[in-house]
Amino acid sequence: MINVTKTYLPPLEDYVQYLRGIWERNWITNNSPLVQELEVKLKEFLGVKHLFFVSNGTIALQLAIKALDLPGEIITTPFSYVATTSSIVWEGCQPVFVDIDPETLCLDPNLIEASITPRTTAILTVHIYGHPCDVERIQAIADRHGLKVIYDAAHAFGVRYNGQSLLAHGNISTLSFHATKMFHTVEGGALVTNDDEVAHRIAYMRNFGHKNQEEFWGLGINGKNSEFHAAMGLCILPRIAEIIARHQAISDLYDNLLNGSLLTRPVYAPKTDYNYAYYAVLFKSQEALLKVKAVLNDNNIFPRRYFYPALNTLPYIHPISMPVTDDISKRVLCLPLSSELTIEEIELVCGLILKNLK
């Protein structure tokens, strides 16, 4: 079976070594030593000022909205995983969808200002597949209208743009460390910010609002993560450059084998050091996609339609037409990509695709 991804697990003894320390200290959670160590090492690796390790990427988004004290309308993308939209709704805000750019598949900055109203408080968008949004134009729009900017960077671990971490843009960036990601902590996520005041709010909000054992700064939730999850991250972080390099090699092989086919690829911004987190292809039609997907499934190969259906069709959202997203979401497929894929497996995938594109 070849799945769209495969969770990378480090050598078992490496993880067991961390477990021995956990047993010796008997300090499992509540800002525990490995959590602190992971946060320090992630800040150093990513080149960011403040980073908070939390229980998952969805909690990270919810905390971001709360930490920026956002009411009203939030402009967002309809092309993402459901958590991007559900977090906005869960926090009592109204998502206002803006269509995507047909080449980058990120939020189209040309369409943002037409959707801004007196109730708009923020832009929350996604570096889709790790490809950078047009961060300069989005920030300029936000500055003109007094809006906050949150980037859902669930796909963008380690991506650098114009010589610096992509996570440095916006008021807050959020990460997912779910087991499907290249860098993972089994379950987990993080918030990144350069703003000291926002960082202070996140620090207490993720820990029930505690100031100390008997006092509270304000409202909070349980967004903490544990030593066991931090230990996994500490095992994987030293290997992440190797994992990214392997993903790049696989992506290059896909490029070579699929060159000249009817498939096209999303375009990402120049000046980007990409992490090769996903290999997305666009078919000419949904019918062509479904035909190829069925053949691959029959051969125990399971790509995924990231992201289908579009979020503007969710049952708890007022339906609205997003022509580009509606089209793209029907034609995009993410091919298997993991550090353990073999050349023979990639050749099998590509051979089946090419044979059934005719």
Protein backbone atom coordinates (compact mmCIF):
# COMPACT_ATOMS: atom_id res chain seq x y z
CA MET A 1 0.00 0.00 0.00
CA ILE A 2 1.29 3.45 -0.97
CA ASN A 3 -0.47 6.23 0.92
CA VAL A 4 -0.35 9.95 0.21
CA THR A 5 2.07 10.24 3.12
CA LYS A 6 3.75 8.03 5.68
CA THR A 7 4.59 9.13 9.19
CA TYR A 8 8.32 9.41 9.72
CA LEU A 9 9.41 7.65 12.91
CA PRO A 10 12.95 8.11 14.24
CA PRO A 11 15.09 5.23 15.52
CA LEU A 12 13.23 3.74 18.47
CA GLU A 13 16.25 3.89 20.77
CA ASP A 14 16.48 7.65 20.28
CA TYR A 15 12.93 8.04 21.54
CA VAL A 16 13.42 5.55 24.35
CA GLN A 17 16.39 7.58 25.58
CA TYR A 18 14.10 10.57 26.04
CA LEU A 19 11.54 8.34 27.76
CA ARG A 20 14.14 7.31 30.32
CA GLY A 21 14.63 10.95 31.24
CA ILE A 22 10.88 11.49 31.52
CA TRP A 23 10.61 8.52 33.90
CA GLU A 24 13.51 9.81 35.99
CA ARG A 25 12.09 13.35 36.32
CA ASN A 26 8.42 12.33 36.59
CA TRP A 27 7.51 15.73 35.10
CA ILE A 28 5.08 14.99 32.30
CA THR A 29 3.41 18.28 31.35
CA ASN A 30 2.87 21.91 32.48
CA ASN A 31 5.79 23.64 30.71
CA SER A 32 8.02 20.65 31.31
CA PRO A 33 11.74 20.46 30.40
CA LEU A 34 11.50 18.81 26.98
CA VAL A 35 8.73 21.20 25.95
CA GLN A 36 10.98 24.11 26.87
CA GLU A 37 13.93 22.55 25.05
CA LEU A 38 11.88 21.93 21.92
CA GLU A 39 10.62 25.52 21.87
CA VAL A 40 14.16 26.87 22.14
CA LYS A 41 15.48 24.60 19.39
CA LEU A 42 12.55 25.36 17.09
CA LYS A 43 13.05 29.10 17.51
CA GLU A 44 16.70 28.67 16.64
CA PHE A 45 16.03 26.39 13.66
CA LEU A 46 13.20 28.51 12.24
CA GLY A 47 14.77 31.88 13.03
CA VAL A 48 11.79 33.34 14.88
CA LYS A 49 11.43 35.43 18.04
CA HIS A 50 8.57 33.81 19.98
CA LEU A 51 7.25 30.27 19.52
CA PHE A 52 4.69 28.44 21.67
CA PHE A 53 4.28 24.67 21.41
CA VAL A 54 0.60 23.71 21.74
CA SER A 55 -1.55 20.62 21.54
CA ASN A 56 -2.47 20.87 17.84
CA GLY A 57 -2.68 23.20 14.87
CA THR A 58 -6.38 23.90 15.31
CA ILE A 59 -5.88 25.11 18.88
CA ALA A 60 -3.08 27.28 17.48
CA LEU A 61 -5.52 28.96 15.09
CA GLN A 62 -8.13 29.44 17.82
CA LEU A 63 -5.55 30.92 20.17
CA ALA A 64 -4.32 33.24 17.41
CA ILE A 65 -7.83 34.64 16.90
CA LYS A 66 -8.30 35.01 20.66
CA ALA A 67 -4.88 36.54 21.31
CA LEU A 68 -5.56 39.24 18.71
CA ASP A 69 -9.03 39.82 20.23
CA LEU A 70 -10.77 39.55 16.87
CA PRO A 71 -14.52 40.07 16.53
CA GLY A 72 -16.63 40.40 13.41
CA GLU A 73 -15.54 39.33 9.94
CA ILE A 74 -12.31 37.61 8.98
CA ILE A 75 -11.32 37.40 5.32
CA THR A 76 -10.09 33.91 4.51
CA THR A 77 -9.49 31.36 1.79
CA PRO A 78 -12.00 28.69 0.74
CA PHE A 79 -9.14 26.40 -0.35
CA SER A 80 -7.64 24.72 2.71
CA TYR A 81 -8.29 22.05 5.29
CA VAL A 82 -11.52 22.52 7.24
CA ALA A 83 -9.75 23.68 10.43
CA THR A 84 -8.92 27.04 8.83
CA THR A 85 -12.61 27.90 8.53
CA SER A 86 -13.95 25.99 11.54
CA SER A 87 -11.56 27.85 13.87
CA ILE A 88 -13.00 31.18 12.72
CA VAL A 89 -16.57 30.00 13.23
CA TRP A 90 -15.74 28.32 16.57
CA GLU A 91 -14.40 31.62 17.88
CA GLY A 92 -17.64 33.42 17.03
CA CYS A 93 -16.34 35.24 13.96
CA GLN A 94 -17.70 35.23 10.43
CA PRO A 95 -15.51 33.87 7.63
CA VAL A 96 -15.64 35.98 4.49
CA PHE A 97 -14.31 33.97 1.58
CA VAL A 98 -12.13 35.49 -1.12
CA ASP A 99 -11.22 33.42 -4.15
CA ILE A 100 -7.75 32.05 -4.85
CA ASP A 101 -5.15 32.81 -7.47
CA PRO A 102 -5.42 30.12 -10.20
CA GLU A 103 -1.63 29.70 -10.39
CA THR A 104 -0.41 29.82 -6.77
CA LEU A 105 -3.71 28.52 -5.25
CA CYS A 106 -3.18 31.00 -2.40
CA LEU A 107 -5.62 33.81 -1.56
CA ASP A 108 -5.79 36.27 -4.45
CA PRO A 109 -4.70 39.70 -3.13
CA ASN A 110 -6.41 41.40 -6.08
CA LEU A 111 -9.79 40.42 -4.62
CA ILE A 112 -9.31 41.21 -0.94
CA GLU A 113 -10.22 44.90 -0.74
CA ALA A 114 -13.58 44.42 -2.46
CA SER A 115 -14.60 42.19 0.47
CA ILE A 116 -13.53 44.51 3.29
CA THR A 117 -16.40 46.03 5.27
CA PRO A 118 -16.60 48.08 8.49
CA ARG A 119 -16.88 44.75 10.35
CA THR A 120 -13.66 43.28 8.91
CA THR A 121 -10.97 42.83 11.55
CA ALA A 122 -8.42 40.47 10.03
CA ILE A 123 -7.14 38.40 7.14
CA LEU A 124 -6.50 34.73 7.90
CA THR A 125 -5.05 32.85 4.99
CA VAL A 126 -2.93 29.82 4.17
CA HIS A 127 0.49 29.24 2.63
CA ILE A 128 -1.08 26.46 0.61
CA TYR A 129 1.14 23.37 0.25
CA GLY A 130 3.84 25.54 1.84
CA HIS A 131 3.88 27.99 -1.11
CA PRO A 132 4.14 31.58 0.19
CA CYS A 133 1.17 33.88 -0.07
CA ASP A 134 1.83 37.32 -1.53
CA VAL A 135 2.86 38.51 1.93
CA GLU A 136 3.94 42.00 0.86
CA ARG A 137 0.65 42.86 -0.82
CA ILE A 138 -1.44 41.30 1.93
CA GLN A 139 0.44 43.30 4.57
CA ALA A 140 0.03 46.51 2.57
CA ILE A 141 -3.74 45.92 2.36
CA ALA A 142 -3.91 45.14 6.08
CA ASP A 143 -1.98 48.30 6.93
CA ARG A 144 -4.26 50.48 4.78
CA HIS A 145 -7.36 49.15 6.50
CA GLY A 146 -6.09 48.57 10.04
CA LEU A 147 -6.44 44.79 9.88
CA LYS A 148 -4.56 42.00 11.66
CA VAL A 149 -2.97 39.19 9.64
CA ILE A 150 -2.82 35.52 10.63
CA TYR A 151 -1.06 32.98 8.43
CA ASP A 152 -2.06 29.35 8.68
CA ALA A 153 1.39 27.94 7.97
CA ALA A 154 0.48 24.31 8.67
CA HIS A 155 2.26 23.28 5.46
CA ALA A 156 5.16 25.71 5.67
CA PHE A 157 7.56 24.35 8.28
CA GLY A 158 11.08 25.44 7.40
CA VAL A 159 10.07 27.47 4.33
CA ARG A 160 12.13 30.61 3.81
CA TYR A 161 11.09 33.53 1.65
CA ASN A 162 13.34 36.36 0.53
CA GLY A 163 16.07 35.21 2.90
CA GLN A 164 14.04 34.92 6.09
CA SER A 165 11.54 32.58 7.70
CA LEU A 166 8.14 32.74 6.05
CA LEU A 167 6.75 32.61 9.60
CA ALA A 168 8.05 36.12 10.28
CA HIS A 169 5.17 37.64 8.30
CA GLY A 170 1.84 38.72 9.75
CA ASN A 171 0.89 39.24 13.38
CA ILE A 172 0.84 35.50 14.06
CA SER A 173 1.71 32.38 12.09
CA THR A 174 0.44 28.97 13.15
CA LEU A 175 1.99 25.56 12.54
CA SER A 176 0.72 21.99 12.61
CA PHE A 177 2.91 19.19 13.93
CA HIS A 178 0.42 16.43 13.13
CA ALA A 179 1.81 13.01 12.27
CA THR A 180 1.13 13.60 8.56
CA LYS A 181 3.58 16.51 8.49
CA MET A 182 7.31 16.25 7.69
CA PHE A 183 8.15 17.65 11.10
CA HIS A 184 5.74 16.24 13.64
CA THR A 185 5.24 15.60 17.33
CA VAL A 186 2.53 12.95 16.73
CA GLU A 187 -0.05 15.58 17.64
CA GLY A 188 0.92 19.20 18.12
CA GLY A 189 1.23 22.68 16.74
CA ALA A 190 2.74 26.07 17.46
CA LEU A 191 2.14 29.78 17.31
CA VAL A 192 4.86 32.16 16.12
CA THR A 193 4.92 35.92 16.62
CA ASN A 194 7.42 38.75 16.72
CA ASP A 195 5.15 40.88 18.93
CA ASP A 196 6.11 40.81 22.64
CA GLU A 197 2.63 41.81 23.84
CA VAL A 198 0.90 39.19 21.70
CA ALA A 199 3.42 36.61 22.92
CA HIS A 200 2.56 37.47 26.52
CA ARG A 201 -1.16 36.90 25.85
CA ILE A 202 -0.51 33.58 24.10
CA ALA A 203 1.67 32.42 27.00
CA TYR A 204 -1.11 32.71 29.55
CA MET A 205 -4.00 31.87 27.24
CA ARG A 206 -2.61 28.41 26.39
CA ASN A 207 -2.35 27.58 30.13
CA PHE A 208 -5.88 28.29 31.40
CA GLY A 209 -5.00 31.98 31.89
CA HIS A 210 -2.71 31.25 34.84
CA LYS A 211 -0.39 33.95 36.19
CA ASN A 212 0.70 31.63 38.97
CA GLN A 213 -0.95 28.87 41.00
CA GLU A 214 -3.40 31.24 42.68
CA GLU A 215 -3.79 34.14 40.23
CA PHE A 216 -4.99 34.53 36.65
CA TRP A 217 -4.00 37.04 34.00
CA GLY A 218 -7.23 36.46 32.12
CA LEU A 219 -9.27 33.99 30.08
CA GLY A 220 -7.46 30.90 28.84
CA ILE A 221 -7.85 27.32 27.69
CA ASN A 222 -5.78 24.14 27.92
CA GLY A 223 -3.56 24.38 24.85
CA LYS A 224 -0.46 22.80 26.43
CA ASN A 225 1.45 19.83 25.10
CA SER A 226 3.36 17.05 26.85
CA GLU A 227 6.88 15.68 27.29
CA PHE A 228 6.06 12.64 25.15
CA HIS A 229 5.11 14.81 22.18
CA ALA A 230 8.09 17.12 22.67
CA ALA A 231 10.38 14.08 22.78
CA MET A 232 9.20 13.00 19.34
CA GLY A 233 9.88 16.48 18.00
CA LEU A 234 13.37 16.52 19.52
CA CYS A 235 14.11 13.18 17.82
CA ILE A 236 12.95 14.39 14.41
CA LEU A 237 14.28 17.96 14.36
CA PRO A 238 17.95 16.95 13.85
CA ARG A 239 16.84 14.91 10.81
CA ILE A 240 14.54 17.46 9.20
CA ALA A 241 17.12 18.74 6.70
CA GLU A 242 17.64 15.17 5.51
CA ILE A 243 13.87 14.62 5.27
CA ILE A 244 13.38 17.81 3.23
CA ALA A 245 16.24 16.83 0.93
CA ARG A 246 14.64 13.44 0.36
CA HIS A 247 11.29 15.08 -0.41
CA GLN A 248 13.03 17.36 -2.90
CA ALA A 249 14.67 14.40 -4.64
CA ILE A 250 11.31 12.62 -4.92
CA SER A 251 9.64 15.79 -6.23
CA ASP A 252 12.39 16.18 -8.84
CA LEU A 253 11.83 12.59 -9.95
CA TYR A 254 8.08 13.22 -10.25
CA ASP A 255 8.88 16.33 -12.32
CA ASN A 256 11.08 14.30 -14.69
CA LEU A 257 8.70 11.38 -15.07
CA LEU A 258 5.59 13.53 -15.56
CA ASN A 259 7.24 16.09 -17.81
CA GLY A 260 5.27 16.60 -20.99
CA SER A 261 2.06 15.12 -19.57
CA LEU A 262 -1.31 16.86 -19.45
CA LEU A 263 -0.78 17.63 -15.76
CA THR A 264 0.16 21.07 -14.47
CA ARG A 265 1.57 22.20 -11.11
CA PRO A 266 0.88 25.12 -8.78
CA VAL A 267 3.33 27.98 -9.12
CA TYR A 268 5.17 29.22 -6.06
CA ALA A 269 6.83 32.55 -5.49
CA PRO A 270 10.40 33.26 -6.56
CA LYS A 271 12.96 33.79 -3.82
CA THR A 272 11.47 30.81 -1.96
CA ASP A 273 13.42 28.04 -0.23
CA TYR A 274 10.66 25.44 -0.38
CA ASN A 275 10.18 22.47 1.94
CA TYR A 276 8.67 20.08 -0.69
CA ALA A 277 5.91 19.13 1.73
CA TYR A 278 3.40 18.18 -0.99
CA TYR A 279 3.37 17.19 -4.64
CA ALA A 280 0.14 18.57 -6.04
CA VAL A 281 -0.92 18.13 -9.67
CA LEU A 282 -3.80 19.65 -11.59
CA PHE A 283 -5.79 17.60 -14.09
CA LYS A 284 -7.59 19.05 -17.09
CA SER A 285 -10.93 17.94 -15.68
CA GLN A 286 -12.50 16.29 -12.66
CA GLU A 287 -13.39 13.32 -14.84
CA ALA A 288 -9.72 12.79 -15.71
CA LEU A 289 -8.77 13.04 -12.03
CA LEU A 290 -11.40 10.54 -10.93
CA LYS A 291 -10.37 8.06 -13.63
CA VAL A 292 -6.70 8.16 -12.61
CA LYS A 293 -7.51 8.13 -8.89
CA ALA A 294 -9.65 5.00 -9.33
CA VAL A 295 -6.86 3.21 -11.21
CA LEU A 296 -4.32 4.15 -8.55
CA ASN A 297 -6.65 2.97 -5.79
CA ASP A 298 -7.14 -0.34 -7.60
CA ASN A 299 -3.35 -0.74 -7.39
CA ASN A 300 -3.25 0.06 -3.65
CA ILE A 301 -2.01 3.61 -4.24
CA PHE A 302 -3.92 6.30 -2.33
CA PRO A 303 -3.34 9.92 -3.28
CA ARG A 304 -5.61 12.56 -1.67
CA ARG A 305 -7.79 15.32 -2.99
CA TYR A 306 -6.22 18.10 -0.94
CA PHE A 307 -8.49 20.06 -0.76
CA TYR A 308 -11.92 18.85 -1.73
CA PRO A 309 -14.67 19.85 -1.25
CA ALA A 310 -14.05 23.58 -1.10
CA LEU A 311 -14.74 25.20 2.27
CA ASN A 312 -17.36 27.58 0.84
CA THR A 313 -19.60 24.49 0.57
CA LEU A 314 -19.47 23.57 4.27
CA PRO A 315 -22.93 22.92 5.75
CA TYR A 316 -22.53 25.58 8.48
CA ILE A 317 -21.44 28.27 6.01
CA HIS A 318 -23.78 30.37 3.87
CA PRO A 319 -23.05 29.00 0.39
CA ILE A 320 -21.24 31.35 -1.96
CA SER A 321 -19.76 30.82 -5.39
CA MET A 322 -15.96 30.88 -5.62
CA PRO A 323 -15.35 30.15 -9.31
CA VAL A 324 -11.60 29.53 -9.20
CA THR A 325 -11.69 27.51 -5.98
CA ASP A 326 -14.68 25.50 -7.14
CA ASP A 327 -12.79 24.59 -10.31
CA ILE A 328 -9.37 23.94 -8.73
CA SER A 329 -10.71 21.84 -5.86
CA LYS A 330 -12.26 19.43 -8.35
CA ARG A 331 -9.05 19.02 -10.37
CA VAL A 332 -6.22 18.93 -7.82
CA LEU A 333 -4.66 15.76 -6.46
CA CYS A 334 -1.72 15.30 -4.10
CA LEU A 335 0.45 12.37 -5.10
CA PRO A 336 2.20 10.11 -2.56
CA LEU A 337 5.19 11.83 -1.00
CA SER A 338 7.20 10.57 1.96
CA SER A 339 10.87 10.13 2.72
CA GLU A 340 10.54 6.34 2.44
CA LEU A 341 9.16 6.18 -1.10
CA THR A 342 11.37 4.19 -3.47
CA ILE A 343 12.23 4.95 -7.07
CA GLU A 344 10.29 1.87 -8.14
CA GLU A 345 7.17 3.05 -6.30
CA ILE A 346 7.36 6.51 -7.86
CA GLU A 347 7.84 4.97 -11.30
CA LEU A 348 4.77 2.78 -10.68
CA VAL A 349 2.65 5.79 -9.68
CA CYS A 350 3.76 7.84 -12.67
CA GLY A 351 3.42 4.96 -15.10
CA LEU A 352 -0.20 4.38 -14.09
CA ILE A 353 -0.97 8.08 -14.31
CA LEU A 354 0.54 8.50 -17.76
CA LYS A 355 -1.13 5.34 -19.10
CA ASN A 356 -4.56 6.53 -17.98
CA LEU A 357 -4.29 10.21 -18.95
CA LYS A 358 -4.78 9.32 -22.61
